[in-house]
Every structure is written in structure tokens, then in C-alpha cells.
N, C-alpha and C. Protein backbone atom coordinates (compact mmCIF):
# COMPACT_ATOMS: atom_id res chain seq x y z
N MET A 1 160.57 73.84 30.06
CA MET A 1 159.43 74.63 30.30
C MET A 1 158.96 74.71 31.04
N SER A 2 159.09 75.27 31.56
CA SER A 2 158.62 75.83 33.47
C SER A 2 156.31 76.01 33.16
N THR A 3 155.79 74.96 34.70
CA THR A 3 154.81 75.71 34.77
C THR A 3 154.47 77.26 35.00
N ASP A 4 155.29 77.30 35.55
CA ASP A 4 154.77 78.73 36.11
C ASP A 4 154.45 79.63 35.24
N GLU A 5 155.36 79.83 34.15
CA GLU A 5 154.23 81.26 33.32
C GLU A 5 152.94 80.51 31.95
N GLU A 6 153.07 78.91 33.22
CA GLU A 6 151.43 79.18 32.10
C GLU A 6 149.94 79.47 32.55
N GLU A 7 149.08 80.06 32.62
CA GLU A 7 147.76 80.02 33.52
C GLU A 7 147.54 78.91 33.47
N ILE A 8 147.25 77.57 34.23
CA ILE A 8 146.60 76.45 34.35
C ILE A 8 144.79 77.46 35.40
N ASP A 9 144.04 76.44 34.62
CA ASP A 9 142.86 77.10 35.40
C ASP A 9 142.96 75.86 36.42
N PRO A 10 141.96 76.93 37.57
CA PRO A 10 141.95 76.23 38.90
C PRO A 10 140.91 74.91 38.69
N GLU A 11 140.64 74.27 37.83
CA GLU A 11 140.10 74.00 37.97
C GLU A 11 140.67 71.87 37.59
N ILE A 12 140.90 72.94 36.64
CA ILE A 12 142.01 71.24 36.03
C ILE A 12 143.29 71.18 37.19
N GLU A 13 143.65 72.48 37.96
CA GLU A 13 145.41 71.88 38.31
C GLU A 13 144.49 71.61 40.11
N LYS A 14 143.20 71.33 40.42
CA LYS A 14 142.54 70.75 40.74
C LYS A 14 142.73 69.19 40.38
N LEU A 15 142.07 68.72 39.60
CA LEU A 15 142.27 67.49 38.93
C LEU A 15 143.52 67.06 38.74
N ILE A 16 144.57 68.12 38.70
CA ILE A 16 146.01 67.14 38.64
C ILE A 16 146.42 66.26 40.43
N ALA A 17 146.24 67.82 40.50
CA ALA A 17 146.84 67.67 42.40
C ALA A 17 145.83 66.47 43.06
N GLU A 18 144.15 66.09 42.28
CA GLU A 18 144.22 64.46 42.57
C GLU A 18 143.98 63.27 42.33
N GLN A 19 144.29 63.51 41.40
CA GLN A 19 145.30 62.46 40.40
C GLN A 19 146.48 62.06 40.76
N ALA A 20 146.98 62.95 41.45
CA ALA A 20 149.30 62.19 41.31
C ALA A 20 148.80 62.28 42.92
N ASP A 21 147.84 62.29 43.58
CA ASP A 21 147.25 62.07 45.01
C ASP A 21 147.45 60.03 45.41
N GLU A 22 146.59 60.28 44.34
CA GLU A 22 146.03 58.98 43.74
C GLU A 22 146.68 58.20 43.54
N ARG A 23 147.34 58.24 42.41
CA ARG A 23 148.60 57.67 40.66
C ARG A 23 149.90 57.87 42.20
N ASN A 24 150.03 58.31 43.10
CA ASN A 24 151.51 59.19 43.56
C ASN A 24 152.64 59.09 43.16
N ILE A 25 152.46 60.38 41.67
CA ILE A 25 153.20 61.13 40.62
C ILE A 25 153.28 62.44 41.13
N PRO A 26 154.41 62.80 40.85
CA PRO A 26 154.81 64.58 41.38
C PRO A 26 153.74 65.10 40.47
N GLU A 27 152.75 65.87 41.14
CA GLU A 27 152.06 66.46 40.62
C GLU A 27 152.82 67.04 39.87
N GLY A 28 153.39 68.60 40.09
CA GLY A 28 154.76 68.81 38.92
C GLY A 28 155.20 68.15 37.94
N LEU A 29 154.77 67.02 37.77
CA LEU A 29 155.19 66.67 37.05
C LEU A 29 154.03 66.12 35.67
N LEU A 30 153.18 66.03 36.12
CA LEU A 30 151.56 66.12 35.91
C LEU A 30 150.73 67.52 34.93
N LYS A 31 151.62 68.64 35.87
CA LYS A 31 151.42 69.97 35.01
C LYS A 31 151.99 70.03 34.70
N GLU A 32 153.35 69.48 33.83
CA GLU A 32 154.67 69.57 32.64
C GLU A 32 153.84 69.40 32.23
N ILE A 33 152.91 67.84 31.60
CA ILE A 33 152.78 67.42 29.83
C ILE A 33 151.10 67.78 30.54
N TYR A 34 150.42 68.09 31.15
CA TYR A 34 149.26 68.92 30.96
C TYR A 34 149.65 70.17 29.99
N VAL A 35 150.87 70.70 30.47
CA VAL A 35 150.77 71.64 29.80
C VAL A 35 151.68 71.74 28.53
N LEU A 36 152.71 71.19 28.15
CA LEU A 36 153.56 70.05 27.10
C LEU A 36 151.13 69.63 25.94
N GLU A 37 151.04 69.51 26.59
CA GLU A 37 149.64 68.05 25.54
C GLU A 37 149.58 69.50 25.03
N LYS A 38 148.99 70.43 26.23
CA LYS A 38 147.90 71.63 25.62
C LYS A 38 148.73 72.97 24.38
N GLU A 39 150.04 72.82 24.84
CA GLU A 39 150.01 73.20 24.64
C GLU A 39 150.63 72.69 22.46
N MET A 40 150.25 71.28 22.64
CA MET A 40 150.67 70.73 20.79
C MET A 40 149.54 70.88 20.31
N VAL A 41 148.11 70.80 21.12
CA VAL A 41 147.17 69.58 21.20
C VAL A 41 146.89 71.55 20.05
N THR A 42 146.69 73.00 19.60
CA THR A 42 147.04 73.58 18.72
C THR A 42 146.88 73.57 17.51
N MET A 43 148.48 73.24 17.32
CA MET A 43 149.75 72.62 16.97
C MET A 43 149.12 71.22 15.47
N ASP A 44 148.91 72.57 14.41
CA ASP A 44 148.55 70.73 12.54
C ASP A 44 149.13 69.46 13.38
N ARG A 45 150.72 69.50 13.76
CA ARG A 45 151.53 68.62 13.41
C ARG A 45 151.87 68.22 14.82
N ARG A 46 151.73 66.67 15.06
CA ARG A 46 151.67 66.84 17.05
C ARG A 46 153.31 65.68 16.46
N ALA A 47 153.91 65.38 16.05
CA ALA A 47 154.77 64.68 16.10
C ALA A 47 155.78 64.94 16.98
N GLY A 48 155.78 65.90 17.33
CA GLY A 48 156.37 67.13 18.33
C GLY A 48 156.34 66.43 20.12
N LEU A 49 154.92 65.94 20.58
CA LEU A 49 154.49 65.47 21.76
C LEU A 49 155.55 64.05 21.88
N PRO A 50 155.44 63.30 21.23
CA PRO A 50 156.11 62.58 22.07
C PRO A 50 157.40 62.05 22.47
N SER A 51 158.43 62.27 21.47
CA SER A 51 159.44 62.84 21.89
C SER A 51 159.74 63.62 23.14
N GLU A 52 159.62 64.75 23.41
CA GLU A 52 158.91 65.65 24.60
C GLU A 52 158.64 65.25 25.50
N LEU A 53 157.22 64.66 25.55
CA LEU A 53 157.15 63.55 25.87
C LEU A 53 157.66 62.67 27.07
N ARG A 54 158.33 61.49 26.26
CA ARG A 54 159.34 61.03 26.20
C ARG A 54 160.18 61.54 26.84
N GLN A 55 161.07 62.48 26.86
CA GLN A 55 162.63 62.96 27.16
C GLN A 55 161.78 63.03 28.64
N ILE A 56 160.00 64.64 28.72
CA ILE A 56 159.81 64.34 30.34
C ILE A 56 159.61 62.84 31.52
N LEU A 57 159.47 62.45 31.06
CA LEU A 57 158.86 60.95 31.42
C LEU A 57 160.37 60.42 31.85
N GLU A 58 161.44 60.58 30.49
CA GLU A 58 163.59 59.86 30.66
C GLU A 58 163.45 60.94 31.58
N ASN A 59 163.75 62.09 31.89
CA ASN A 59 163.85 62.61 32.67
C ASN A 59 163.63 62.57 34.58
N TYR A 60 162.71 62.39 35.17
CA TYR A 60 162.08 62.14 35.91
C TYR A 60 162.33 60.69 36.31
N VAL A 61 162.97 59.67 35.37
CA VAL A 61 163.03 58.03 35.75
C VAL A 61 164.09 58.72 36.08
N ASP A 62 166.35 58.80 35.20
CA ASP A 62 167.23 58.95 34.73
C ASP A 62 167.29 59.96 37.02
N ASN A 63 166.10 60.64 37.13
CA ASN A 63 166.75 61.75 37.94
C ASN A 63 166.04 62.12 39.16
N GLY A 64 164.18 61.40 39.09
CA GLY A 64 163.98 62.08 39.79
C GLY A 64 162.83 63.33 39.73
N TRP A 65 162.39 63.95 40.47
CA TRP A 65 161.48 64.83 39.87
C TRP A 65 162.52 66.22 39.93
N SER A 66 162.32 67.58 39.31
CA SER A 66 161.79 69.26 39.87
C SER A 66 162.63 69.65 39.15
N MET A 67 161.57 70.85 39.89
CA MET A 67 160.89 71.67 39.21
C MET A 67 161.57 72.93 37.82
N GLU A 68 163.09 72.72 38.53
CA GLU A 68 163.31 73.55 38.20
C GLU A 68 164.93 72.87 36.05
N ASP A 69 163.77 71.74 36.52
CA ASP A 69 163.97 71.01 34.45
C ASP A 69 163.56 71.65 33.55
């Protein structure tokens, strides 16, 4: 999943950047989670969110953060 393809409101991007700085979390990771959450909110079933979110976080823990993942 690439956040480059998704349009994120500039105000949301600002909030993501602030939270990333405050919590010492990669901004790209928070953006990817935001995009995934936004996509899942419009679905009737949200069953896929925990597994996809878990995969994103496990990848980050195991391999570090890379925008190419």
C-alpha cells in the first residue's frame, strides 16, 4: 500500500507529523495506518483491519520502516 496514491487532507498530514514527532514514530508508518483505517471505515465489515494493521506493525518491528514496503 502506498500513501502516495492516497490524498490526505493537509490538516490531517500536519496532525500526523505532530503525533509522529511527539511519539517518536515514523511519519510514514502513521500515514499508512491512517490510509488503511480510512479505507476500512467505508466497508461494512472491518474484519480485515486487525490482520492488515498487525502485518504493517510486525513489518515495522521486524524490518524497520521503509516507504517502499
